[in-house]
Amino acid sequence: MRLVEKEAELGGNLRHIHYTSKETTARPSSKHRAGGSRNPRIQVFPNAEVKKIDGYIGNFKTAFSVNGTEKEYEHGV
């Protein structure tokens, strides 16, 4: 699995929410944010930008840029 993230770290808007309506902590810990990058079956590409998506159901090609390096992957979803 590959995760393409435009920000420097995972977490999205949840990083800006500190508490829920029930006053429990909502922020993910650094352990949770880094979880995907520690799993050998998941590749995380931070600071990436999707350039092009081509294909059809079950057969796609996605091109993206990571720190100036272009990458392209074939995938089914």
Foldseek 3Di string as FASTA:
>chain_A
DEAEEQAQWDDPCQCVDQADPVGDGRRDDPCVRCVQVVDPVYHYQYNKDWDDWDDDAQWIKTWMAGPNDIDIDIGRD
